[in-house]
Amino acid sequence: MQDFFELIVSGFASGCLYSLMGLSFLLVMRPTGVVNFAVGQYAMLGGFAAVAVMTTILIPPIALPYVPGLLVVLALMALLGAAVEWIAVKPLVDRGAPPVASMLSLLGVLIVLL
């Protein structure tokens, strides 16, 4: 019976992650009409950054508790998102390029982050 509850909690956690990624697709696609293909890579980098910040694999070895660690990861991911928008999307939008150009640019970001 304990395994059943552990599987329920694990499935709920996975479902929450999938719903957050779907929500991020929706929040970008609805106002702009551009699909951000790099959302999965953002989630992957956020997970790796959380492990790096909350364990002692950094140089110098620092292990932050969960709440400050999550705040640091949130700030890092916000900076990454702003940098991607500033470097890959904004120049195309300023030139009046079609939305397909921004999609291809974000596909390139996906490949670079991979």
C-alpha atoms as a PDB file:
ATOM      1  CA  MET A   1       0.000   0.000   0.000  1.00  0.00           C
ATOM      2  CA  GLN A   2       2.901   2.338   0.717  1.00  0.00           C
ATOM      3  CA  ASP A   3       4.212   1.798  -2.818  1.00  0.00           C
ATOM      4  CA  PHE A   4       0.843   2.849  -4.194  1.00  0.00           C
ATOM      5  CA  PHE A   5       0.963   6.192  -2.372  1.00  0.00           C
ATOM      6  CA  GLU A   6       4.574   6.772  -3.450  1.00  0.00           C
ATOM      7  CA  LEU A   7       3.590   6.141  -7.059  1.00  0.00           C
ATOM      8  CA  ILE A   8       0.626   8.524  -6.733  1.00  0.00           C
ATOM      9  CA  VAL A   9       2.876  11.287  -5.354  1.00  0.00           C
ATOM     10  CA  SER A  10       5.508  10.648  -8.033  1.00  0.00           C
ATOM     11  CA  GLY A  11       2.892  10.756 -10.779  1.00  0.00           C
ATOM     12  CA  PHE A  12       1.427  13.947  -9.342  1.00  0.00           C
ATOM     13  CA  ALA A  13       4.890  15.579  -9.326  1.00  0.00           C
ATOM     14  CA  SER A  14       5.518  14.566 -12.947  1.00  0.00           C
ATOM     15  CA  GLY A  15       2.090  15.838 -13.947  1.00  0.00           C
ATOM     16  CA  CYS A  16       2.799  19.177 -12.277  1.00  0.00           C
ATOM     17  CA  LEU A  17       6.038  19.535 -14.240  1.00  0.00           C
ATOM     18  CA  TYR A  18       4.294  18.700 -17.514  1.00  0.00           C
ATOM     19  CA  SER A  19       1.506  21.157 -16.781  1.00  0.00           C
ATOM     20  CA  LEU A  20       3.997  23.937 -15.985  1.00  0.00           C
ATOM     21  CA  MET A  21       5.833  23.308 -19.251  1.00  0.00           C
ATOM     22  CA  GLY A  22       2.529  23.342 -21.142  1.00  0.00           C
ATOM     23  CA  LEU A  23       1.574  26.565 -19.394  1.00  0.00           C
ATOM     24  CA  SER A  24       4.861  28.155 -20.438  1.00  0.00           C
ATOM     25  CA  PHE A  25       4.197  27.115 -24.056  1.00  0.00           C
ATOM     26  CA  LEU A  26       0.756  28.693 -23.801  1.00  0.00           C
ATOM     27  CA  LEU A  27       1.953  31.917 -22.151  1.00  0.00           C
ATOM     28  CA  VAL A  28       4.463  32.488 -24.952  1.00  0.00           C
ATOM     29  CA  MET A  29       2.364  31.303 -27.884  1.00  0.00           C
ATOM     30  CA  ARG A  30      -0.927  33.104 -27.172  1.00  0.00           C
ATOM     31  CA  PRO A  31       0.297  36.723 -27.159  1.00  0.00           C
ATOM     32  CA  THR A  32       3.124  36.357 -29.692  1.00  0.00           C
ATOM     33  CA  GLY A  33       2.018  33.557 -32.004  1.00  0.00           C
ATOM     34  CA  VAL A  34       5.523  32.075 -31.724  1.00  0.00           C
ATOM     35  CA  VAL A  35       6.160  28.580 -30.374  1.00  0.00           C
ATOM     36  CA  ASN A  36       9.189  28.470 -28.094  1.00  0.00           C
ATOM     37  CA  PHE A  37      10.828  25.138 -28.826  1.00  0.00           C
ATOM     38  CA  ALA A  38      13.436  25.608 -26.086  1.00  0.00           C
ATOM     39  CA  VAL A  39      10.995  25.258 -23.152  1.00  0.00           C
ATOM     40  CA  GLY A  40      12.142  21.704 -22.456  1.00  0.00           C
ATOM     41  CA  GLN A  41      15.750  22.830 -22.432  1.00  0.00           C
ATOM     42  CA  TYR A  42      14.906  25.589 -19.958  1.00  0.00           C
ATOM     43  CA  ALA A  43      13.369  22.973 -17.660  1.00  0.00           C
ATOM     44  CA  MET A  44      16.410  20.723 -18.030  1.00  0.00           C
ATOM     45  CA  LEU A  45      18.850  23.552 -17.307  1.00  0.00           C
ATOM     46  CA  GLY A  46      16.746  24.641 -14.335  1.00  0.00           C
ATOM     47  CA  GLY A  47      16.939  21.136 -12.890  1.00  0.00           C
ATOM     48  CA  PHE A  48      20.686  20.934 -13.407  1.00  0.00           C
ATOM     49  CA  ALA A  49      21.145  24.401 -11.919  1.00  0.00           C
ATOM     50  CA  ALA A  50      19.079  23.403  -8.881  1.00  0.00           C
ATOM     51  CA  VAL A  51      21.245  20.337  -8.317  1.00  0.00           C
ATOM     52  CA  ALA A  52      24.406  22.403  -8.755  1.00  0.00           C
ATOM     53  CA  VAL A  53      23.274  25.144  -6.383  1.00  0.00           C
ATOM     54  CA  MET A  54      21.820  22.886  -3.679  1.00  0.00           C
ATOM     55  CA  THR A  55      24.709  20.405  -3.544  1.00  0.00           C
ATOM     56  CA  THR A  56      28.426  20.887  -3.206  1.00  0.00           C
ATOM     57  CA  ILE A  57      29.451  20.424  -6.836  1.00  0.00           C
ATOM     58  CA  LEU A  58      30.154  24.120  -7.333  1.00  0.00           C
ATOM     59  CA  ILE A  59      33.593  25.669  -6.977  1.00  0.00           C
ATOM     60  CA  PRO A  60      33.979  26.816  -4.188  1.00  0.00           C
ATOM     61  CA  PRO A  61      31.843  24.103  -2.617  1.00  0.00           C
ATOM     62  CA  ILE A  62      28.687  25.804  -1.340  1.00  0.00           C
ATOM     63  CA  ALA A  63      25.438  24.025  -0.571  1.00  0.00           C
ATOM     64  CA  LEU A  64      22.454  26.340  -0.263  1.00  0.00           C
ATOM     65  CA  PRO A  65      19.242  25.294   1.506  1.00  0.00           C
ATOM     66  CA  TYR A  66      16.141  24.733  -0.617  1.00  0.00           C
ATOM     67  CA  VAL A  67      14.455  28.134  -0.475  1.00  0.00           C
ATOM     68  CA  PRO A  68      17.549  30.290  -1.200  1.00  0.00           C
ATOM     69  CA  GLY A  69      18.680  27.717  -3.768  1.00  0.00           C
ATOM     70  CA  LEU A  70      15.354  27.858  -5.588  1.00  0.00           C
ATOM     71  CA  LEU A  71      15.460  31.661  -5.540  1.00  0.00           C
ATOM     72  CA  VAL A  72      18.957  31.600  -7.079  1.00  0.00           C
ATOM     73  CA  VAL A  73      17.818  29.135  -9.764  1.00  0.00           C
ATOM     74  CA  LEU A  74      14.728  31.247 -10.456  1.00  0.00           C
ATOM     75  CA  ALA A  75      16.933  34.315 -10.946  1.00  0.00           C
ATOM     76  CA  LEU A  76      19.327  32.388 -13.216  1.00  0.00           C
ATOM     77  CA  MET A  77      16.495  31.060 -15.376  1.00  0.00           C
ATOM     78  CA  ALA A  78      14.920  34.526 -15.597  1.00  0.00           C
ATOM     79  CA  LEU A  79      18.273  35.903 -16.775  1.00  0.00           C
ATOM     80  CA  LEU A  80      18.567  33.099 -19.332  1.00  0.00           C
ATOM     81  CA  GLY A  81      15.061  33.775 -20.646  1.00  0.00           C
ATOM     82  CA  ALA A  82      15.752  37.506 -20.896  1.00  0.00           C
ATOM     83  CA  ALA A  83      19.058  36.854 -22.672  1.00  0.00           C
ATOM     84  CA  VAL A  84      17.416  34.518 -25.196  1.00  0.00           C
ATOM     85  CA  GLU A  85      14.685  37.067 -25.882  1.00  0.00           C
ATOM     86  CA  TRP A  86      17.224  39.894 -26.222  1.00  0.00           C
ATOM     87  CA  ILE A  87      19.630  37.948 -28.464  1.00  0.00           C
ATOM     88  CA  ALA A  88      17.436  35.596 -30.509  1.00  0.00           C
ATOM     89  CA  VAL A  89      13.941  37.096 -30.736  1.00  0.00           C
ATOM     90  CA  LYS A  90      13.994  40.874 -30.296  1.00  0.00           C
ATOM     91  CA  PRO A  91      16.234  41.649 -33.317  1.00  0.00           C
ATOM     92  CA  LEU A  92      13.888  39.687 -35.576  1.00  0.00           C
ATOM     93  CA  VAL A  93      10.768  41.336 -34.181  1.00  0.00           C
ATOM     94  CA  ASP A  94      12.350  44.790 -34.516  1.00  0.00           C
ATOM     95  CA  ARG A  95      13.042  44.105 -38.206  1.00  0.00           C
ATOM     96  CA  GLY A  96       9.454  43.028 -38.789  1.00  0.00           C
ATOM     97  CA  ALA A  97      10.337  39.436 -39.642  1.00  0.00           C
ATOM     98  CA  PRO A  98       7.487  36.902 -39.835  1.00  0.00           C
ATOM     99  CA  PRO A  99       6.828  34.709 -36.773  1.00  0.00           C
ATOM    100  CA  VAL A 100       8.398  31.736 -38.557  1.00  0.00           C
ATOM    101  CA  ALA A 101      11.791  33.467 -38.321  1.00  0.00           C
ATOM    102  CA  SER A 102      11.442  33.739 -34.543  1.00  0.00           C
ATOM    103  CA  MET A 103      10.434  30.075 -34.361  1.00  0.00           C
ATOM    104  CA  LEU A 104      13.529  29.075 -36.316  1.00  0.00           C
ATOM    105  CA  SER A 105      15.662  31.267 -34.080  1.00  0.00           C
ATOM    106  CA  LEU A 106      14.230  29.576 -30.987  1.00  0.00           C
ATOM    107  CA  LEU A 107      14.831  26.191 -32.606  1.00  0.00           C
ATOM    108  CA  GLY A 108      18.470  27.249 -32.924  1.00  0.00           C
ATOM    109  CA  VAL A 109      18.476  28.144 -29.219  1.00  0.00           C
ATOM    110  CA  LEU A 110      17.174  24.642 -28.501  1.00  0.00           C
ATOM    111  CA  ILE A 111      20.069  23.133 -30.428  1.00  0.00           C
ATOM    112  CA  VAL A 112      22.629  25.385 -28.724  1.00  0.00           C
ATOM    113  CA  LEU A 113      21.294  24.581 -25.242  1.00  0.00           C
ATOM    114  CA  LEU A 114      21.182  20.871 -26.031  1.00  0.00           C
END
